[in-house]
Amino acid sequence: MRIDMVVNGKEAGGEVEGRTVLSSFLRDQLALTGCHVGCDTSQCGACVVHVDGQAVKSCTMLAAEAAGSEITTIEGMANADGSLNVIQQAFQDHHGLQCGFCTPGMVMSAAALLKENPKPSEAEVRDYLEGNICRCTGYHNIVKAIMAASGQDVVPVAAE
C-alpha cells in the first residue's frame, strides 16, 4: 500500500507491506537511521519518534498507522541553522551519552517530557525515562542533561 506523511517538515512517502513497522519505514525507505532499533519489543526506547507531537516507540507502530501524520525524528530536532537544539546541546555538555545508541530515543523522550512539563523534578525525569534503557551511563548524566535543558540548576558532580 502507499503511505504518505510529513517527516521532519517534508513530504515523504512510499510503498509498504501492511506489516512494516514505522521504524523500518523510516530507516529503510527514508534513510533516517537515527531512529535506532534495539529490541523490537518496545522495551528499550531507542526507536522513539514523535507522531503528531506524541512520543511513540516506532518499532511497535505500523507504518500504515502513521499515514497522514506529522513525524519528527532525531534528524529533525536540530535548530534551523543545523546547530544542536537545547536538549542535544545539554546531552553533549553534561556527558549524557557514551556509546550513543540510546541517545536518539532519550533526546526524543526528553523533548516530549519537556513539552508536557517544562520544569520537571529529577524524580519526574527519572520516572519519565522508565521506558528508555541505557546500558552505558547509569542515567545520572542523562538526567543532569535534561534538567539543564529545562533551564534548571544542575548539581556539579564534585558536589554530589
N, C-alpha and C. Protein backbone atom coordinates (compact mmCIF):
# COMPACT_ATOMS: atom_id res chain seq x y z
N MET A 1 0.84 -1.18 0.00
CA MET A 1 0.00 0.00 0.00
C MET A 1 0.89 1.24 0.00
N ARG A 2 0.35 2.32 -0.45
CA ARG A 2 1.06 3.60 -0.49
C ARG A 2 0.72 4.37 0.78
N ILE A 3 1.76 4.90 1.43
CA ILE A 3 1.54 5.79 2.57
C ILE A 3 2.27 7.10 2.35
N ASP A 4 1.69 8.17 2.83
CA ASP A 4 2.30 9.49 2.75
C ASP A 4 2.20 10.15 4.11
N MET A 5 3.20 10.94 4.44
CA MET A 5 3.25 11.63 5.72
C MET A 5 4.21 12.80 5.60
N VAL A 6 4.27 13.60 6.62
CA VAL A 6 5.26 14.67 6.69
C VAL A 6 6.30 14.24 7.71
N VAL A 7 7.55 14.17 7.28
CA VAL A 7 8.63 13.74 8.16
C VAL A 7 9.65 14.86 8.26
N ASN A 8 9.85 15.34 9.46
CA ASN A 8 10.78 16.44 9.72
C ASN A 8 10.49 17.65 8.84
N GLY A 9 9.19 17.90 8.67
CA GLY A 9 8.75 19.07 7.93
C GLY A 9 8.69 18.92 6.43
N LYS A 10 8.98 17.71 5.90
CA LYS A 10 8.97 17.50 4.46
C LYS A 10 8.04 16.35 4.11
N GLU A 11 7.38 16.50 2.97
CA GLU A 11 6.51 15.42 2.47
C GLU A 11 7.35 14.18 2.21
N ALA A 12 6.85 13.03 2.64
CA ALA A 12 7.55 11.77 2.42
C ALA A 12 6.52 10.68 2.24
N GLY A 13 6.92 9.62 1.57
CA GLY A 13 6.00 8.52 1.38
C GLY A 13 6.68 7.36 0.71
N GLY A 14 5.91 6.30 0.53
CA GLY A 14 6.44 5.13 -0.12
C GLY A 14 5.47 3.98 -0.06
N GLU A 15 5.87 2.89 -0.68
CA GLU A 15 5.08 1.67 -0.67
C GLU A 15 5.54 0.81 0.49
N VAL A 16 4.57 0.28 1.24
CA VAL A 16 4.89 -0.59 2.37
C VAL A 16 3.97 -1.80 2.38
N GLU A 17 4.45 -2.87 2.97
CA GLU A 17 3.59 -4.01 3.26
C GLU A 17 2.81 -3.66 4.52
N GLY A 18 1.68 -4.26 4.72
CA GLY A 18 0.87 -3.99 5.89
C GLY A 18 1.57 -4.24 7.21
N ARG A 19 2.56 -5.13 7.21
CA ARG A 19 3.26 -5.48 8.44
C ARG A 19 4.50 -4.63 8.71
N THR A 20 4.81 -3.68 7.85
CA THR A 20 6.00 -2.83 8.02
C THR A 20 5.82 -1.90 9.20
N VAL A 21 6.77 -1.95 10.12
CA VAL A 21 6.70 -1.04 11.28
C VAL A 21 7.32 0.30 10.91
N LEU A 22 6.92 1.32 11.64
CA LEU A 22 7.36 2.69 11.34
C LEU A 22 8.87 2.82 11.39
N SER A 23 9.53 2.20 12.35
CA SER A 23 11.00 2.30 12.44
C SER A 23 11.65 1.76 11.17
N SER A 24 11.15 0.65 10.64
CA SER A 24 11.71 0.09 9.40
C SER A 24 11.48 1.02 8.22
N PHE A 25 10.29 1.60 8.14
CA PHE A 25 10.00 2.53 7.06
C PHE A 25 10.94 3.73 7.12
N LEU A 26 11.11 4.30 8.30
CA LEU A 26 11.99 5.47 8.45
C LEU A 26 13.43 5.13 8.10
N ARG A 27 13.91 4.01 8.59
CA ARG A 27 15.31 3.63 8.37
C ARG A 27 15.55 3.13 6.94
N ASP A 28 14.72 2.21 6.48
CA ASP A 28 14.98 1.53 5.22
C ASP A 28 14.53 2.29 3.99
N GLN A 29 13.41 3.00 4.07
CA GLN A 29 12.90 3.69 2.89
C GLN A 29 13.26 5.17 2.88
N LEU A 30 13.33 5.78 4.06
CA LEU A 30 13.63 7.21 4.10
C LEU A 30 15.07 7.51 4.51
N ALA A 31 15.84 6.47 4.81
CA ALA A 31 17.26 6.58 5.19
C ALA A 31 17.47 7.49 6.42
N LEU A 32 16.50 7.48 7.32
CA LEU A 32 16.61 8.23 8.58
C LEU A 32 17.05 7.23 9.65
N THR A 33 18.34 6.99 9.69
CA THR A 33 18.88 5.92 10.53
C THR A 33 19.16 6.34 11.97
N GLY A 34 18.80 7.56 12.33
CA GLY A 34 18.94 7.98 13.72
C GLY A 34 17.96 7.28 14.62
N CYS A 35 16.88 6.81 14.07
CA CYS A 35 15.89 6.02 14.81
C CYS A 35 16.49 4.62 14.96
N HIS A 36 16.97 4.30 16.16
CA HIS A 36 17.64 3.02 16.38
C HIS A 36 16.64 1.95 16.81
N VAL A 37 16.93 0.73 16.43
CA VAL A 37 16.10 -0.40 16.83
C VAL A 37 16.98 -1.31 17.68
N GLY A 38 16.63 -1.41 18.95
CA GLY A 38 17.44 -2.20 19.86
C GLY A 38 16.79 -3.48 20.31
N CYS A 39 15.46 -3.54 20.30
CA CYS A 39 14.82 -4.70 20.89
C CYS A 39 13.65 -5.25 20.07
N ASP A 40 12.99 -4.43 19.28
CA ASP A 40 11.79 -4.82 18.53
C ASP A 40 10.62 -5.24 19.42
N THR A 41 10.68 -4.92 20.71
CA THR A 41 9.62 -5.33 21.62
C THR A 41 9.10 -4.16 22.47
N SER A 42 9.48 -2.94 22.13
CA SER A 42 9.03 -1.75 22.84
C SER A 42 9.61 -1.63 24.24
N GLN A 43 10.73 -2.29 24.49
CA GLN A 43 11.33 -2.26 25.82
C GLN A 43 12.43 -1.22 25.98
N CYS A 44 13.21 -0.96 24.91
CA CYS A 44 14.42 -0.16 25.10
C CYS A 44 14.26 1.34 24.84
N GLY A 45 13.32 1.74 24.00
CA GLY A 45 13.09 3.16 23.73
C GLY A 45 14.05 3.81 22.75
N ALA A 46 14.96 3.05 22.17
CA ALA A 46 15.92 3.63 21.22
C ALA A 46 15.25 4.13 19.94
N CYS A 47 14.02 3.67 19.69
CA CYS A 47 13.32 3.99 18.45
C CYS A 47 12.29 5.10 18.61
N VAL A 48 12.31 5.83 19.73
CA VAL A 48 11.28 6.84 19.97
C VAL A 48 11.35 7.95 18.92
N VAL A 49 10.19 8.24 18.34
CA VAL A 49 10.00 9.38 17.44
C VAL A 49 8.73 10.08 17.91
N HIS A 50 8.44 11.23 17.34
CA HIS A 50 7.19 11.93 17.65
C HIS A 50 6.23 11.77 16.48
N VAL A 51 5.04 11.33 16.79
CA VAL A 51 3.97 11.19 15.80
C VAL A 51 2.87 12.15 16.21
N ASP A 52 2.65 13.16 15.39
CA ASP A 52 1.68 14.21 15.71
C ASP A 52 1.92 14.78 17.10
N GLY A 53 3.21 14.96 17.42
CA GLY A 53 3.59 15.58 18.68
C GLY A 53 3.67 14.67 19.88
N GLN A 54 3.36 13.40 19.71
CA GLN A 54 3.40 12.45 20.82
C GLN A 54 4.57 11.50 20.66
N ALA A 55 5.28 11.23 21.77
CA ALA A 55 6.39 10.27 21.74
C ALA A 55 5.82 8.87 21.53
N VAL A 56 6.40 8.16 20.54
CA VAL A 56 5.93 6.83 20.17
C VAL A 56 7.14 5.94 19.95
N LYS A 57 7.05 4.71 20.43
CA LYS A 57 8.09 3.71 20.13
C LYS A 57 7.77 3.16 18.74
N SER A 58 8.57 3.58 17.78
CA SER A 58 8.25 3.31 16.37
C SER A 58 8.46 1.86 15.95
N CYS A 59 9.09 1.04 16.80
CA CYS A 59 9.26 -0.37 16.43
C CYS A 59 7.99 -1.17 16.63
N THR A 60 7.00 -0.57 17.31
CA THR A 60 5.76 -1.30 17.55
C THR A 60 4.55 -0.60 16.92
N MET A 61 4.80 0.42 16.12
CA MET A 61 3.72 1.09 15.41
C MET A 61 3.85 0.75 13.93
N LEU A 62 2.76 0.35 13.33
CA LEU A 62 2.79 0.06 11.89
C LEU A 62 2.95 1.36 11.11
N ALA A 63 3.73 1.31 10.05
CA ALA A 63 3.93 2.49 9.22
C ALA A 63 2.59 2.99 8.68
N ALA A 64 1.71 2.07 8.33
CA ALA A 64 0.40 2.45 7.80
C ALA A 64 -0.41 3.25 8.81
N GLU A 65 -0.20 2.99 10.11
CA GLU A 65 -0.90 3.75 11.15
C GLU A 65 -0.45 5.20 11.18
N ALA A 66 0.76 5.46 10.69
CA ALA A 66 1.31 6.82 10.68
C ALA A 66 0.97 7.59 9.41
N ALA A 67 0.29 6.94 8.47
CA ALA A 67 -0.09 7.62 7.23
C ALA A 67 -0.87 8.89 7.55
N GLY A 68 -0.50 9.98 6.91
CA GLY A 68 -1.16 11.26 7.11
C GLY A 68 -0.68 12.02 8.33
N SER A 69 0.22 11.45 9.07
CA SER A 69 0.70 12.07 10.31
C SER A 69 1.92 12.94 10.05
N GLU A 70 2.25 13.72 11.07
CA GLU A 70 3.48 14.50 11.06
C GLU A 70 4.46 13.81 12.01
N ILE A 71 5.59 13.40 11.46
CA ILE A 71 6.59 12.64 12.20
C ILE A 71 7.83 13.51 12.41
N THR A 72 8.37 13.46 13.61
CA THR A 72 9.66 14.11 13.87
C THR A 72 10.61 13.04 14.38
N THR A 73 11.76 12.94 13.74
CA THR A 73 12.81 12.01 14.16
C THR A 73 13.95 12.82 14.74
N ILE A 74 14.94 12.15 15.25
CA ILE A 74 16.10 12.84 15.82
C ILE A 74 16.76 13.74 14.77
N GLU A 75 16.69 13.36 13.51
CA GLU A 75 17.27 14.19 12.45
C GLU A 75 16.55 15.52 12.32
N GLY A 76 15.32 15.60 12.76
CA GLY A 76 14.53 16.82 12.68
C GLY A 76 14.60 17.68 13.93
N MET A 77 15.42 17.30 14.89
CA MET A 77 15.47 18.02 16.16
C MET A 77 16.44 19.21 16.16
N ALA A 78 17.38 19.23 15.26
CA ALA A 78 18.36 20.31 15.23
C ALA A 78 17.68 21.65 14.96
N ASN A 79 18.35 22.72 15.33
CA ASN A 79 17.86 24.07 15.01
C ASN A 79 17.87 24.27 13.50
N ALA A 80 17.16 25.27 13.02
CA ALA A 80 17.06 25.54 11.58
C ALA A 80 18.41 25.75 10.93
N ASP A 81 19.37 26.29 11.69
CA ASP A 81 20.70 26.53 11.13
C ASP A 81 21.61 25.30 11.19
N GLY A 82 21.06 24.16 11.67
CA GLY A 82 21.83 22.93 11.74
C GLY A 82 22.53 22.71 13.06
N SER A 83 22.53 23.72 13.92
CA SER A 83 23.17 23.55 15.22
C SER A 83 22.30 22.68 16.13
N LEU A 84 22.91 22.14 17.17
CA LEU A 84 22.18 21.30 18.11
C LEU A 84 21.11 22.10 18.84
N ASN A 85 19.95 21.48 19.07
CA ASN A 85 18.94 22.17 19.87
C ASN A 85 19.34 22.12 21.34
N VAL A 86 18.58 22.75 22.19
CA VAL A 86 18.96 22.88 23.60
C VAL A 86 19.11 21.52 24.28
N ILE A 87 18.27 20.56 23.95
CA ILE A 87 18.37 19.24 24.57
C ILE A 87 19.62 18.51 24.08
N GLN A 88 19.84 18.51 22.78
CA GLN A 88 21.02 17.87 22.22
C GLN A 88 22.29 18.49 22.80
N GLN A 89 22.31 19.82 22.89
CA GLN A 89 23.49 20.51 23.42
C GLN A 89 23.71 20.14 24.89
N ALA A 90 22.62 20.04 25.65
CA ALA A 90 22.74 19.67 27.06
C ALA A 90 23.29 18.25 27.21
N PHE A 91 22.87 17.33 26.34
CA PHE A 91 23.42 15.98 26.38
C PHE A 91 24.93 16.03 26.13
N GLN A 92 25.36 16.85 25.20
CA GLN A 92 26.79 16.98 24.93
C GLN A 92 27.50 17.64 26.11
N ASP A 93 26.97 18.74 26.60
CA ASP A 93 27.62 19.49 27.67
C ASP A 93 27.71 18.72 28.97
N HIS A 94 26.73 17.88 29.25
CA HIS A 94 26.68 17.17 30.53
C HIS A 94 27.00 15.69 30.39
N HIS A 95 27.61 15.31 29.28
CA HIS A 95 28.08 13.94 29.05
C HIS A 95 26.95 12.93 29.23
N GLY A 96 25.81 13.24 28.63
CA GLY A 96 24.64 12.37 28.74
C GLY A 96 24.63 11.23 27.75
N LEU A 97 25.77 10.90 27.21
CA LEU A 97 25.84 9.78 26.28
C LEU A 97 27.22 9.14 26.38
N GLN A 98 27.27 7.89 26.06
CA GLN A 98 28.55 7.20 25.95
C GLN A 98 28.62 6.53 24.59
N CYS A 99 28.04 5.36 24.45
CA CYS A 99 28.10 4.71 23.13
C CYS A 99 27.19 5.41 22.14
N GLY A 100 26.14 6.07 22.63
CA GLY A 100 25.24 6.83 21.77
C GLY A 100 24.07 6.07 21.19
N PHE A 101 23.99 4.77 21.43
CA PHE A 101 22.91 4.00 20.82
C PHE A 101 21.54 4.44 21.32
N CYS A 102 21.43 4.69 22.60
CA CYS A 102 20.12 5.08 23.17
C CYS A 102 19.83 6.56 23.00
N THR A 103 20.84 7.34 22.66
CA THR A 103 20.72 8.80 22.69
C THR A 103 19.57 9.35 21.86
N PRO A 104 19.35 8.92 20.62
CA PRO A 104 18.22 9.49 19.88
C PRO A 104 16.89 9.29 20.60
N GLY A 105 16.65 8.11 21.12
CA GLY A 105 15.41 7.86 21.85
C GLY A 105 15.34 8.66 23.13
N MET A 106 16.47 8.81 23.81
CA MET A 106 16.49 9.61 25.04
C MET A 106 16.17 11.07 24.74
N VAL A 107 16.78 11.61 23.69
CA VAL A 107 16.54 13.01 23.32
C VAL A 107 15.07 13.20 22.93
N MET A 108 14.52 12.28 22.16
CA MET A 108 13.13 12.41 21.74
C MET A 108 12.19 12.30 22.94
N SER A 109 12.49 11.39 23.87
CA SER A 109 11.68 11.27 25.08
C SER A 109 11.82 12.52 25.93
N ALA A 110 13.03 13.04 26.05
CA ALA A 110 13.26 14.26 26.83
C ALA A 110 12.46 15.42 26.24
N ALA A 111 12.44 15.53 24.92
CA ALA A 111 11.69 16.61 24.27
C ALA A 111 10.19 16.49 24.58
N ALA A 112 9.68 15.26 24.57
CA ALA A 112 8.27 15.05 24.89
C ALA A 112 7.99 15.42 26.35
N LEU A 113 8.89 15.02 27.24
CA LEU A 113 8.72 15.36 28.66
C LEU A 113 8.71 16.87 28.86
N LEU A 114 9.69 17.56 28.28
CA LEU A 114 9.80 19.00 28.49
C LEU A 114 8.65 19.76 27.83
N LYS A 115 8.05 19.19 26.81
CA LYS A 115 6.86 19.80 26.22
C LYS A 115 5.69 19.70 27.19
N GLU A 116 5.55 18.54 27.84
CA GLU A 116 4.47 18.31 28.80
C GLU A 116 4.73 19.01 30.13
N ASN A 117 6.00 19.02 30.55
CA ASN A 117 6.37 19.52 31.87
C ASN A 117 7.69 20.28 31.72
N PRO A 118 7.64 21.58 31.45
CA PRO A 118 8.86 22.35 31.17
C PRO A 118 9.87 22.41 32.32
N LYS A 119 9.44 22.18 33.54
CA LYS A 119 10.35 22.25 34.70
C LYS A 119 10.17 21.01 35.59
N PRO A 120 10.50 19.83 35.07
CA PRO A 120 10.30 18.62 35.86
C PRO A 120 11.31 18.51 37.00
N SER A 121 10.92 17.80 38.03
CA SER A 121 11.86 17.48 39.10
C SER A 121 12.75 16.34 38.62
N GLU A 122 13.83 16.09 39.34
CA GLU A 122 14.71 14.98 38.98
C GLU A 122 13.92 13.66 39.03
N ALA A 123 13.08 13.51 40.03
CA ALA A 123 12.27 12.29 40.15
C ALA A 123 11.33 12.14 38.95
N GLU A 124 10.75 13.24 38.49
CA GLU A 124 9.86 13.18 37.33
C GLU A 124 10.63 12.81 36.07
N VAL A 125 11.85 13.31 35.92
CA VAL A 125 12.68 12.95 34.77
C VAL A 125 12.96 11.45 34.80
N ARG A 126 13.41 10.97 35.94
CA ARG A 126 13.73 9.54 36.07
C ARG A 126 12.49 8.68 35.80
N ASP A 127 11.34 9.07 36.31
CA ASP A 127 10.11 8.33 36.09
C ASP A 127 9.75 8.32 34.60
N TYR A 128 9.87 9.47 33.93
CA TYR A 128 9.51 9.57 32.52
C TYR A 128 10.40 8.70 31.64
N LEU A 129 11.66 8.57 32.03
CA LEU A 129 12.61 7.79 31.23
C LEU A 129 12.54 6.29 31.50
N GLU A 130 11.59 5.88 32.29
CA GLU A 130 11.49 4.47 32.64
C GLU A 130 11.42 3.57 31.41
N GLY A 131 10.85 4.04 30.32
CA GLY A 131 10.73 3.24 29.10
C GLY A 131 11.92 3.32 28.18
N ASN A 132 13.01 3.93 28.62
CA ASN A 132 14.23 4.05 27.82
C ASN A 132 15.37 3.36 28.57
N ILE A 133 16.07 2.49 27.88
CA ILE A 133 17.18 1.77 28.51
C ILE A 133 18.51 2.29 27.97
N CYS A 134 19.41 2.55 28.91
CA CYS A 134 20.80 2.89 28.57
C CYS A 134 21.68 1.89 29.29
N ARG A 135 22.55 1.26 28.56
CA ARG A 135 23.41 0.24 29.17
C ARG A 135 24.79 0.79 29.53
N CYS A 136 25.03 2.07 29.27
CA CYS A 136 26.37 2.63 29.50
C CYS A 136 26.45 3.65 30.62
N THR A 137 25.49 4.56 30.70
CA THR A 137 25.69 5.76 31.50
C THR A 137 25.23 5.68 32.95
N GLY A 138 24.37 4.77 33.28
CA GLY A 138 23.79 4.77 34.61
C GLY A 138 22.78 5.89 34.80
N TYR A 139 22.42 6.60 33.74
CA TYR A 139 21.36 7.61 33.68
C TYR A 139 21.69 8.92 34.38
N HIS A 140 22.65 8.95 35.27
CA HIS A 140 22.90 10.16 36.06
C HIS A 140 23.12 11.38 35.17
N ASN A 141 24.01 11.27 34.19
CA ASN A 141 24.30 12.42 33.33
C ASN A 141 23.17 12.71 32.35
N ILE A 142 22.40 11.70 32.01
CA ILE A 142 21.23 11.93 31.16
C ILE A 142 20.23 12.79 31.91
N VAL A 143 20.00 12.47 33.17
CA VAL A 143 19.08 13.26 33.99
C VAL A 143 19.61 14.67 34.15
N LYS A 144 20.91 14.81 34.41
CA LYS A 144 21.52 16.15 34.52
C LYS A 144 21.32 16.94 33.24
N ALA A 145 21.48 16.29 32.10
CA ALA A 145 21.32 16.97 30.81
C ALA A 145 19.89 17.46 30.63
N ILE A 146 18.93 16.63 30.97
CA ILE A 146 17.54 17.03 30.81
C ILE A 146 17.19 18.16 31.77
N MET A 147 17.69 18.08 32.99
CA MET A 147 17.46 19.17 33.95
C MET A 147 18.05 20.47 33.41
N ALA A 148 19.26 20.39 32.86
CA ALA A 148 19.90 21.59 32.29
C ALA A 148 19.11 22.12 31.11
N ALA A 149 18.62 21.23 30.26
CA ALA A 149 17.83 21.65 29.10
C ALA A 149 16.55 22.35 29.53
N SER A 150 16.06 22.01 30.72
CA SER A 150 14.84 22.65 31.23
C SER A 150 15.14 24.00 31.87
N GLY A 151 16.43 24.37 31.90
CA GLY A 151 16.82 25.66 32.47
C GLY A 151 16.99 25.63 33.98
N GLN A 152 17.02 24.44 34.54
CA GLN A 152 17.19 24.31 35.99
C GLN A 152 18.64 24.05 36.33
N ASP A 153 18.99 24.38 37.55
CA ASP A 153 20.35 24.18 38.02
C ASP A 153 20.69 22.69 38.03
N VAL A 154 21.95 22.44 37.68
CA VAL A 154 22.46 21.08 37.70
C VAL A 154 23.53 21.03 38.78
N VAL A 155 23.42 20.06 39.68
CA VAL A 155 24.41 19.91 40.74
C VAL A 155 25.68 19.37 40.13
N PRO A 156 26.81 20.06 40.33
CA PRO A 156 28.08 19.57 39.78
C PRO A 156 28.44 18.22 40.37
N VAL A 157 29.09 17.37 39.59
CA VAL A 157 29.46 16.02 40.01
C VAL A 157 30.27 16.07 41.30
N ALA A 158 31.20 17.01 41.42
CA ALA A 158 32.08 17.10 42.60
C ALA A 158 31.29 17.37 43.88
N ALA A 159 30.14 17.98 43.78
CA ALA A 159 29.35 18.34 44.96
C ALA A 159 28.40 17.23 45.39
N GLU A 160 28.29 16.18 44.59
CA GLU A 160 27.31 15.12 44.90
C GLU A 160 27.83 14.16 45.92
